[in-house]
C-alpha atoms as a PDB file:
ATOM      1  CA  UNK A   1     163.515  78.463 229.865  1.00  0.00           C
ATOM      2  CA  UNK A   2     159.834  79.042 229.235  1.00  0.00           C
ATOM      3  CA  UNK A   3     157.506  76.316 228.103  1.00  0.00           C
ATOM      4  CA  UNK A   4     157.139  78.081 224.744  1.00  0.00           C
ATOM      5  CA  UNK A   5     160.873  78.048 224.163  1.00  0.00           C
ATOM      6  CA  UNK A   6     161.059  74.412 225.258  1.00  0.00           C
ATOM      7  CA  UNK A   7     158.337  73.541 222.803  1.00  0.00           C
ATOM      8  CA  UNK A   8     160.181  75.328 219.983  1.00  0.00           C
ATOM      9  CA  UNK A   9     163.406  73.492 220.872  1.00  0.00           C
ATOM     10  CA  UNK A  10     161.613  70.138 220.800  1.00  0.00           C
ATOM     11  CA  UNK A  11     160.096  70.964 217.428  1.00  0.00           C
ATOM     12  CA  UNK A  12     163.523  71.893 216.034  1.00  0.00           C
ATOM     13  CA  UNK A  13     165.058  68.661 217.367  1.00  0.00           C
ATOM     14  CA  UNK A  14     162.220  66.614 215.948  1.00  0.00           C
ATOM     15  CA  UNK A  15     162.609  68.253 212.542  1.00  0.00           C
ATOM     16  CA  UNK A  16     166.360  67.653 212.609  1.00  0.00           C
ATOM     17  CA  UNK A  17     165.835  63.995 213.456  1.00  0.00           C
ATOM     18  CA  UNK A  18     163.231  63.662 210.724  1.00  0.00           C
ATOM     19  CA  UNK A  19     165.533  65.291 208.180  1.00  0.00           C
ATOM     20  CA  UNK A  20     168.378  63.033 209.216  1.00  0.00           C
ATOM     21  CA  UNK A  21     166.101  60.040 208.812  1.00  0.00           C
ATOM     22  CA  UNK A  22     165.039  61.232 205.361  1.00  0.00           C
ATOM     23  CA  UNK A  23     168.616  61.719 204.291  1.00  0.00           C
ATOM     24  CA  UNK A  24     169.486  58.251 205.525  1.00  0.00           C
ATOM     25  CA  UNK A  25     166.555  56.721 203.688  1.00  0.00           C
ATOM     26  CA  UNK A  26     167.568  58.502 200.500  1.00  0.00           C
ATOM     27  CA  UNK A  27     171.157  57.262 200.716  1.00  0.00           C
ATOM     28  CA  UNK A  28     171.429  54.922 197.690  1.00  0.00           C
ATOM     29  CA  UNK A  29     174.961  53.781 198.435  1.00  0.00           C
ATOM     30  CA  UNK A  30     177.326  53.067 195.544  1.00  0.00           C
ATOM     31  CA  UNK A  31     175.648  51.253 192.699  1.00  0.00           C
ATOM     32  CA  UNK A  32     177.310  48.234 191.131  1.00  0.00           C
ATOM     33  CA  UNK A  33     176.824  44.716 189.901  1.00  0.00           C
ATOM     34  CA  UNK A  34     178.085  41.154 190.316  1.00  0.00           C
ATOM     35  CA  UNK A  35     180.620  39.698 187.899  1.00  0.00           C
ATOM     36  CA  UNK A  36     182.776  36.574 187.764  1.00  0.00           C
ATOM     37  CA  UNK A  37     186.009  35.520 186.101  1.00  0.00           C
ATOM     38  CA  UNK A  38     184.937  32.394 184.248  1.00  0.00           C
ATOM     39  CA  UNK A  39     187.124  29.416 183.458  1.00  0.00           C
ATOM     40  CA  UNK A  40     186.620  28.368 179.827  1.00  0.00           C
ATOM     41  CA  UNK A  41     187.266  24.748 178.856  1.00  0.00           C
ATOM     42  CA  UNK A  42     187.991  24.137 175.171  1.00  0.00           C
ATOM     43  CA  UNK A  43     189.563  21.500 172.909  1.00  0.00           C
ATOM     44  CA  UNK A  44     192.921  22.124 171.228  1.00  0.00           C
ATOM     45  CA  UNK A  45     191.543  21.068 167.851  1.00  0.00           C
ATOM     46  CA  UNK A  46     188.184  21.378 166.145  1.00  0.00           C
ATOM     47  CA  UNK A  47     185.752  18.477 166.191  1.00  0.00           C
ATOM     48  CA  UNK A  48     182.226  17.313 166.883  1.00  0.00           C
ATOM     49  CA  UNK A  49     180.999  17.029 170.466  1.00  0.00           C
ATOM     50  CA  UNK A  50     180.149  13.351 170.988  1.00  0.00           C
ATOM     51  CA  UNK A  51     179.456  13.341 174.718  1.00  0.00           C
ATOM     52  CA  UNK A  52     178.370  16.018 177.185  1.00  0.00           C
ATOM     53  CA  UNK A  53     178.395  14.845 180.787  1.00  0.00           C
ATOM     54  CA  UNK A  54     177.209  18.005 182.544  1.00  0.00           C
ATOM     55  CA  UNK A  55     174.383  20.510 182.487  1.00  0.00           C
ATOM     56  CA  UNK A  56     174.275  24.181 183.373  1.00  0.00           C
ATOM     57  CA  UNK A  57     174.165  24.552 187.144  1.00  0.00           C
ATOM     58  CA  UNK A  58     175.990  21.293 187.870  1.00  0.00           C
ATOM     59  CA  UNK A  59     178.702  21.349 190.510  1.00  0.00           C
ATOM     60  CA  UNK A  60     182.036  19.891 189.379  1.00  0.00           C
ATOM     61  CA  UNK A  61     185.365  19.188 191.018  1.00  0.00           C
ATOM     62  CA  UNK A  62     188.865  19.070 189.496  1.00  0.00           C
ATOM     63  CA  UNK A  63     189.326  16.085 187.202  1.00  0.00           C
ATOM     64  CA  UNK A  64     185.645  15.504 186.426  1.00  0.00           C
ATOM     65  CA  UNK A  65     185.058  14.407 182.824  1.00  0.00           C
ATOM     66  CA  UNK A  66     183.006  17.167 181.205  1.00  0.00           C
ATOM     67  CA  UNK A  67     182.750  16.322 177.508  1.00  0.00           C
ATOM     68  CA  UNK A  68     184.287  14.331 174.647  1.00  0.00           C
ATOM     69  CA  UNK A  69     185.028  15.349 171.066  1.00  0.00           C
ATOM     70  CA  UNK A  70     185.300  12.864 168.167  1.00  0.00           C
ATOM     71  CA  UNK A  71     188.808  11.389 168.019  1.00  0.00           C
ATOM     72  CA  UNK A  72     188.987   9.306 164.809  1.00  0.00           C
ATOM     73  CA  UNK A  73     191.699  11.450 163.243  1.00  0.00           C
ATOM     74  CA  UNK A  74     193.768  11.475 166.432  1.00  0.00           C
ATOM     75  CA  UNK A  75     193.540   7.683 166.748  1.00  0.00           C
ATOM     76  CA  UNK A  76     194.645   7.242 163.135  1.00  0.00           C
ATOM     77  CA  UNK A  77     197.584   9.584 163.719  1.00  0.00           C
ATOM     78  CA  UNK A  78     198.577   7.627 166.831  1.00  0.00           C
ATOM     79  CA  UNK A  79     198.427   4.305 164.974  1.00  0.00           C
ATOM     80  CA  UNK A  80     200.620   5.677 162.206  1.00  0.00           C
ATOM     81  CA  UNK A  81     203.198   6.993 164.635  1.00  0.00           C
ATOM     82  CA  UNK A  82     203.182   3.735 166.571  1.00  0.00           C
ATOM     83  CA  UNK A  83     204.017   1.895 163.318  1.00  0.00           C
ATOM     84  CA  UNK A  84     206.833   4.366 162.647  1.00  0.00           C
ATOM     85  CA  UNK A  85     208.113   3.818 166.170  1.00  0.00           C
ATOM     86  CA  UNK A  86     208.134   0.048 165.683  1.00  0.00           C
ATOM     87  CA  UNK A  87     210.203   0.415 162.501  1.00  0.00           C
ATOM     88  CA  UNK A  88     212.579   2.834 164.222  1.00  0.00           C
ATOM     89  CA  UNK A  89     213.004   0.376 167.083  1.00  0.00           C
ATOM     90  CA  UNK A  90     213.904  -2.424 164.634  1.00  0.00           C
ATOM     91  CA  UNK A  91     216.384  -0.196 162.822  1.00  0.00           C
ATOM     92  CA  UNK A  92     218.001   0.728 166.114  1.00  0.00           C
ATOM     93  CA  UNK A  93     218.200  -2.893 167.246  1.00  0.00           C
ATOM     94  CA  UNK A  94     219.955  -3.883 163.993  1.00  0.00           C
ATOM     95  CA  UNK A  95     222.348  -0.929 164.147  1.00  0.00           C
ATOM     96  CA  UNK A  96     223.201  -1.666 167.772  1.00  0.00           C
ATOM     97  CA  UNK A  97     223.766  -5.356 166.997  1.00  0.00           C
ATOM     98  CA  UNK A  98     225.999  -4.610 164.022  1.00  0.00           C
ATOM     99  CA  UNK A  99     227.913  -2.029 165.985  1.00  0.00           C
ATOM    100  CA  UNK A 100     228.481  -4.598 168.736  1.00  0.00           C
ATOM    101  CA  UNK A 101     230.016  -7.059 166.292  1.00  0.00           C
ATOM    102  CA  UNK A 102     232.089  -4.402 164.567  1.00  0.00           C
ATOM    103  CA  UNK A 103     230.208  -4.744 161.292  1.00  0.00           C
ATOM    104  CA  UNK A 104     228.318  -1.448 161.672  1.00  0.00           C
ATOM    105  CA  UNK A 105     229.439   2.116 162.000  1.00  0.00           C
ATOM    106  CA  UNK A 106     228.888   4.540 164.850  1.00  0.00           C
ATOM    107  CA  UNK A 107     227.279   6.966 162.412  1.00  0.00           C
ATOM    108  CA  UNK A 108     224.587   4.426 161.502  1.00  0.00           C
ATOM    109  CA  UNK A 109     223.941   3.748 165.191  1.00  0.00           C
ATOM    110  CA  UNK A 110     223.684   7.468 165.977  1.00  0.00           C
ATOM    111  CA  UNK A 111     221.234   7.956 163.108  1.00  0.00           C
ATOM    112  CA  UNK A 112     219.124   5.050 164.348  1.00  0.00           C
ATOM    113  CA  UNK A 113     219.086   6.471 167.876  1.00  0.00           C
ATOM    114  CA  UNK A 114     218.010   9.877 166.575  1.00  0.00           C
ATOM    115  CA  UNK A 115     215.201   8.379 164.472  1.00  0.00           C
ATOM    116  CA  UNK A 116     214.024   6.337 167.447  1.00  0.00           C
ATOM    117  CA  UNK A 117     213.866   9.394 169.705  1.00  0.00           C
ATOM    118  CA  UNK A 118     211.899  11.346 167.074  1.00  0.00           C
ATOM    119  CA  UNK A 119     209.454   8.466 166.663  1.00  0.00           C
ATOM    120  CA  UNK A 120     208.965   8.234 170.443  1.00  0.00           C
ATOM    121  CA  UNK A 121     208.306  11.970 170.655  1.00  0.00           C
ATOM    122  CA  UNK A 122     205.708  11.792 167.896  1.00  0.00           C
ATOM    123  CA  UNK A 123     203.910   8.962 169.654  1.00  0.00           C
ATOM    124  CA  UNK A 124     203.760  10.986 172.855  1.00  0.00           C
ATOM    125  CA  UNK A 125     202.425  13.965 170.909  1.00  0.00           C
ATOM    126  CA  UNK A 126     199.736  11.790 169.335  1.00  0.00           C
ATOM    127  CA  UNK A 127     198.788  10.357 172.728  1.00  0.00           C
ATOM    128  CA  UNK A 128     198.474  13.877 174.132  1.00  0.00           C
ATOM    129  CA  UNK A 129     196.307  14.997 171.202  1.00  0.00           C
ATOM    130  CA  UNK A 130     194.083  11.957 171.703  1.00  0.00           C
ATOM    131  CA  UNK A 131     193.799  12.529 175.447  1.00  0.00           C
ATOM    132  CA  UNK A 132     192.809  16.140 174.927  1.00  0.00           C
ATOM    133  CA  UNK A 133     189.752  15.123 172.963  1.00  0.00           C
ATOM    134  CA  UNK A 134     188.236  14.707 176.414  1.00  0.00           C
ATOM    135  CA  UNK A 135     187.652  17.811 178.509  1.00  0.00           C
ATOM    136  CA  UNK A 136     188.161  17.691 182.262  1.00  0.00           C
ATOM    137  CA  UNK A 137     187.335  20.240 184.950  1.00  0.00           C
ATOM    138  CA  UNK A 138     190.498  22.180 185.844  1.00  0.00           C
ATOM    139  CA  UNK A 139     188.880  23.703 188.953  1.00  0.00           C
ATOM    140  CA  UNK A 140     185.948  23.200 191.281  1.00  0.00           C
ATOM    141  CA  UNK A 141     182.894  25.291 190.553  1.00  0.00           C
ATOM    142  CA  UNK A 142     179.513  25.512 188.856  1.00  0.00           C
ATOM    143  CA  UNK A 143     178.849  24.969 185.160  1.00  0.00           C
ATOM    144  CA  UNK A 144     177.780  28.463 184.166  1.00  0.00           C
ATOM    145  CA  UNK A 145     177.074  28.114 180.459  1.00  0.00           C
ATOM    146  CA  UNK A 146     177.316  25.458 177.735  1.00  0.00           C
ATOM    147  CA  UNK A 147     178.151  26.802 174.274  1.00  0.00           C
ATOM    148  CA  UNK A 148     178.232  23.575 172.221  1.00  0.00           C
ATOM    149  CA  UNK A 149     176.120  20.471 172.724  1.00  0.00           C
ATOM    150  CA  UNK A 150     176.261  16.887 171.479  1.00  0.00           C
ATOM    151  CA  UNK A 151     176.401  16.722 167.691  1.00  0.00           C
ATOM    152  CA  UNK A 152     177.624  20.291 167.225  1.00  0.00           C
ATOM    153  CA  UNK A 153     180.980  21.205 165.698  1.00  0.00           C
ATOM    154  CA  UNK A 154     183.249  23.195 167.975  1.00  0.00           C
ATOM    155  CA  UNK A 155     186.140  25.174 166.419  1.00  0.00           C
ATOM    156  CA  UNK A 156     189.598  24.771 167.852  1.00  0.00           C
ATOM    157  CA  UNK A 157     190.216  26.671 171.074  1.00  0.00           C
ATOM    158  CA  UNK A 158     186.597  27.740 171.311  1.00  0.00           C
ATOM    159  CA  UNK A 159     185.141  26.915 174.742  1.00  0.00           C
ATOM    160  CA  UNK A 160     182.610  24.118 174.970  1.00  0.00           C
ATOM    161  CA  UNK A 161     181.527  25.387 178.384  1.00  0.00           C
ATOM    162  CA  UNK A 162     182.446  27.747 181.208  1.00  0.00           C
ATOM    163  CA  UNK A 163     182.948  27.090 184.909  1.00  0.00           C
ATOM    164  CA  UNK A 164     182.471  29.653 187.652  1.00  0.00           C
ATOM    165  CA  UNK A 165     184.647  28.974 190.717  1.00  0.00           C
ATOM    166  CA  UNK A 166     183.105  30.555 193.842  1.00  0.00           C
ATOM    167  CA  UNK A 167     186.314  32.435 194.593  1.00  0.00           C
ATOM    168  CA  UNK A 168     186.222  34.122 191.188  1.00  0.00           C
ATOM    169  CA  UNK A 169     183.021  36.065 191.882  1.00  0.00           C
ATOM    170  CA  UNK A 170     183.533  39.791 192.330  1.00  0.00           C
ATOM    171  CA  UNK A 171     181.592  42.989 192.895  1.00  0.00           C
ATOM    172  CA  UNK A 172     182.262  46.027 190.703  1.00  0.00           C
ATOM    173  CA  UNK A 173     181.147  49.502 191.724  1.00  0.00           C
ATOM    174  CA  UNK A 174     182.238  53.088 191.239  1.00  0.00           C
ATOM    175  CA  UNK A 175     182.886  55.795 193.804  1.00  0.00           C
ATOM    176  CA  UNK A 176     183.351  59.542 193.218  1.00  0.00           C
ATOM    177  CA  UNK A 177     186.736  61.134 193.691  1.00  0.00           C
ATOM    178  CA  UNK A 178     185.749  62.724 197.016  1.00  0.00           C
ATOM    179  CA  UNK A 179     185.011  59.305 198.548  1.00  0.00           C
ATOM    180  CA  UNK A 180     188.204  57.639 197.328  1.00  0.00           C
ATOM    181  CA  UNK A 181     190.379  58.556 200.380  1.00  0.00           C
ATOM    182  CA  UNK A 182     187.921  56.662 202.598  1.00  0.00           C
ATOM    183  CA  UNK A 183     188.715  53.351 200.883  1.00  0.00           C
ATOM    184  CA  UNK A 184     191.708  51.041 201.199  1.00  0.00           C
ATOM    185  CA  UNK A 185     192.601  47.575 200.000  1.00  0.00           C
ATOM    186  CA  UNK A 186     191.254  45.072 202.519  1.00  0.00           C
ATOM    187  CA  UNK A 187     188.377  47.257 203.738  1.00  0.00           C
ATOM    188  CA  UNK A 188     185.089  45.503 204.368  1.00  0.00           C
ATOM    189  CA  UNK A 189     181.948  47.013 202.855  1.00  0.00           C
ATOM    190  CA  UNK A 190     178.259  46.294 203.265  1.00  0.00           C
ATOM    191  CA  UNK A 191     176.394  44.826 200.297  1.00  0.00           C
ATOM    192  CA  UNK A 192     172.650  44.879 199.699  1.00  0.00           C
ATOM    193  CA  UNK A 193     170.420  43.768 196.848  1.00  0.00           C
ATOM    194  CA  UNK A 194     166.782  42.909 196.243  1.00  0.00           C
ATOM    195  CA  UNK A 195     165.620  39.970 198.363  1.00  0.00           C
ATOM    196  CA  UNK A 196     169.172  39.197 199.519  1.00  0.00           C
ATOM    197  CA  UNK A 197     170.336  38.191 202.970  1.00  0.00           C
ATOM    198  CA  UNK A 198     170.812  41.048 205.420  1.00  0.00           C
ATOM    199  CA  UNK A 199     174.400  40.234 206.428  1.00  0.00           C
ATOM    200  CA  UNK A 200     176.240  40.343 203.094  1.00  0.00           C
ATOM    201  CA  UNK A 201     179.696  41.892 203.098  1.00  0.00           C
ATOM    202  CA  UNK A 202     182.637  42.074 200.724  1.00  0.00           C
ATOM    203  CA  UNK A 203     186.335  42.866 200.991  1.00  0.00           C
ATOM    204  CA  UNK A 204     187.961  45.367 198.641  1.00  0.00           C
ATOM    205  CA  UNK A 205     190.894  43.926 196.679  1.00  0.00           C
ATOM    206  CA  UNK A 206     191.252  46.420 193.826  1.00  0.00           C
ATOM    207  CA  UNK A 207     191.060  50.222 193.570  1.00  0.00           C
ATOM    208  CA  UNK A 208     191.597  51.781 190.165  1.00  0.00           C
ATOM    209  CA  UNK A 209     194.401  54.315 189.918  1.00  0.00           C
ATOM    210  CA  UNK A 210     192.838  56.150 186.986  1.00  0.00           C
ATOM    211  CA  UNK A 211     189.422  57.738 186.668  1.00  0.00           C
ATOM    212  CA  UNK A 212     186.757  56.413 184.325  1.00  0.00           C
ATOM    213  CA  UNK A 213     185.993  59.941 183.115  1.00  0.00           C
ATOM    214  CA  UNK A 214     188.806  62.173 181.867  1.00  0.00           C
ATOM    215  CA  UNK A 215     187.836  65.838 181.413  1.00  0.00           C
ATOM    216  CA  UNK A 216     189.952  68.436 179.579  1.00  0.00           C
ATOM    217  CA  UNK A 217     193.322  69.584 180.824  1.00  0.00           C
ATOM    218  CA  UNK A 218     192.053  72.044 183.448  1.00  0.00           C
ATOM    219  CA  UNK A 219     189.599  70.633 185.989  1.00  0.00           C
ATOM    220  CA  UNK A 220     186.698  72.728 187.085  1.00  0.00           C
ATOM    221  CA  UNK A 221     184.830  71.890 190.276  1.00  0.00           C
ATOM    222  CA  UNK A 222     181.933  70.465 188.282  1.00  0.00           C
ATOM    223  CA  UNK A 223     184.230  68.280 186.227  1.00  0.00           C
ATOM    224  CA  UNK A 224     186.013  66.956 189.298  1.00  0.00           C
ATOM    225  CA  UNK A 225     182.678  65.911 190.706  1.00  0.00           C
ATOM    226  CA  UNK A 226     182.182  63.715 187.647  1.00  0.00           C
ATOM    227  CA  UNK A 227     185.357  61.696 188.259  1.00  0.00           C
ATOM    228  CA  UNK A 228     184.627  58.146 189.418  1.00  0.00           C
ATOM    229  CA  UNK A 229     186.946  55.233 190.184  1.00  0.00           C
ATOM    230  CA  UNK A 230     186.342  51.547 189.753  1.00  0.00           C
ATOM    231  CA  UNK A 231     186.408  49.444 192.917  1.00  0.00           C
ATOM    232  CA  UNK A 232     186.333  45.646 193.006  1.00  0.00           C
ATOM    233  CA  UNK A 233     185.591  43.492 196.056  1.00  0.00           C
ATOM    234  CA  UNK A 234     185.276  39.792 196.849  1.00  0.00           C
ATOM    235  CA  UNK A 235     181.962  38.822 198.506  1.00  0.00           C
ATOM    236  CA  UNK A 236     182.101  36.903 201.774  1.00  0.00           C
ATOM    237  CA  UNK A 237     179.191  34.729 200.627  1.00  0.00           C
ATOM    238  CA  UNK A 238     179.416  34.278 196.840  1.00  0.00           C
ATOM    239  CA  UNK A 239     176.734  31.585 196.979  1.00  0.00           C
ATOM    240  CA  UNK A 240     174.183  34.247 197.973  1.00  0.00           C
ATOM    241  CA  UNK A 241     174.717  36.301 194.800  1.00  0.00           C
ATOM    242  CA  UNK A 242     174.187  35.802 191.079  1.00  0.00           C
ATOM    243  CA  UNK A 243     176.245  37.031 188.132  1.00  0.00           C
ATOM    244  CA  UNK A 244     174.769  40.204 186.641  1.00  0.00           C
ATOM    245  CA  UNK A 245     172.789  41.029 189.780  1.00  0.00           C
ATOM    246  CA  UNK A 246     172.610  44.760 190.624  1.00  0.00           C
ATOM    247  CA  UNK A 247     173.851  45.655 194.104  1.00  0.00           C
ATOM    248  CA  UNK A 248     174.337  48.624 196.411  1.00  0.00           C
ATOM    249  CA  UNK A 249     177.537  49.031 198.409  1.00  0.00           C
ATOM    250  CA  UNK A 250     177.893  51.019 201.634  1.00  0.00           C
ATOM    251  CA  UNK A 251     181.141  51.984 203.311  1.00  0.00           C
ATOM    252  CA  UNK A 252     179.688  51.806 206.831  1.00  0.00           C
ATOM    253  CA  UNK A 253     179.125  48.414 208.436  1.00  0.00           C
ATOM    254  CA  UNK A 254     175.639  49.462 209.517  1.00  0.00           C
ATOM    255  CA  UNK A 255     172.978  48.793 206.869  1.00  0.00           C
ATOM    256  CA  UNK A 256     171.189  52.001 205.819  1.00  0.00           C
ATOM    257  CA  UNK A 257     167.476  52.273 206.447  1.00  0.00           C
ATOM    258  CA  UNK A 258     166.769  52.230 202.713  1.00  0.00           C
ATOM    259  CA  UNK A 259     168.459  48.843 202.382  1.00  0.00           C
ATOM    260  CA  UNK A 260     166.440  47.360 205.203  1.00  0.00           C
ATOM    261  CA  UNK A 261     163.089  48.524 203.915  1.00  0.00           C
END
């Protein structure tokens, strides 16, 4: 091989390497974003928030007292039912005593027992309603958002605040139909984002079975190229990401040049 031919071969190899590098740098990956399944904590009944024990960003654990809602009506209801229970207990005691001496009937005793059980049930219901005027953390996580603050009226079953458990964070991204066979549940993917750590990964736990775009009955090649499928993955380090943050996802474990630069 002459030196001229060698030189041409080197030039061709150099151009091929440069083109490969350009293609790698232009690889944007699959675009997506960070989401989370929030836990919403709300009262069963409407009322005014009287105490708020947390702020947005606070870490909580199960059982932590988060807030209180005014409970005057619930206390009054409990007192009334306690009085009814006391009367029902007296009626039962008399009916049982008379039945023991033969002066009372079994029907009167059965009615007294039934009234006593109803009164006990109502007291327990009132106690539960009163207890639920205080909101407690059902899970460990971070207070993500507070919707009602002290002094504000919260409607029944409207959340006072939301909690984000770390395990509930997820990544959502879309892949074209041609790339779908490369993905399986449990696969690990590379995740990059602006100013994020270089070693972020996620594990796929959901692959949509239907496309996000449905063209007419007969698919042309162009229309098939438009088909994309939703993929969801759990990040290995949820603490390194933020809800709403845009991300890029790569199927290969190696981080593309574009993500490193």
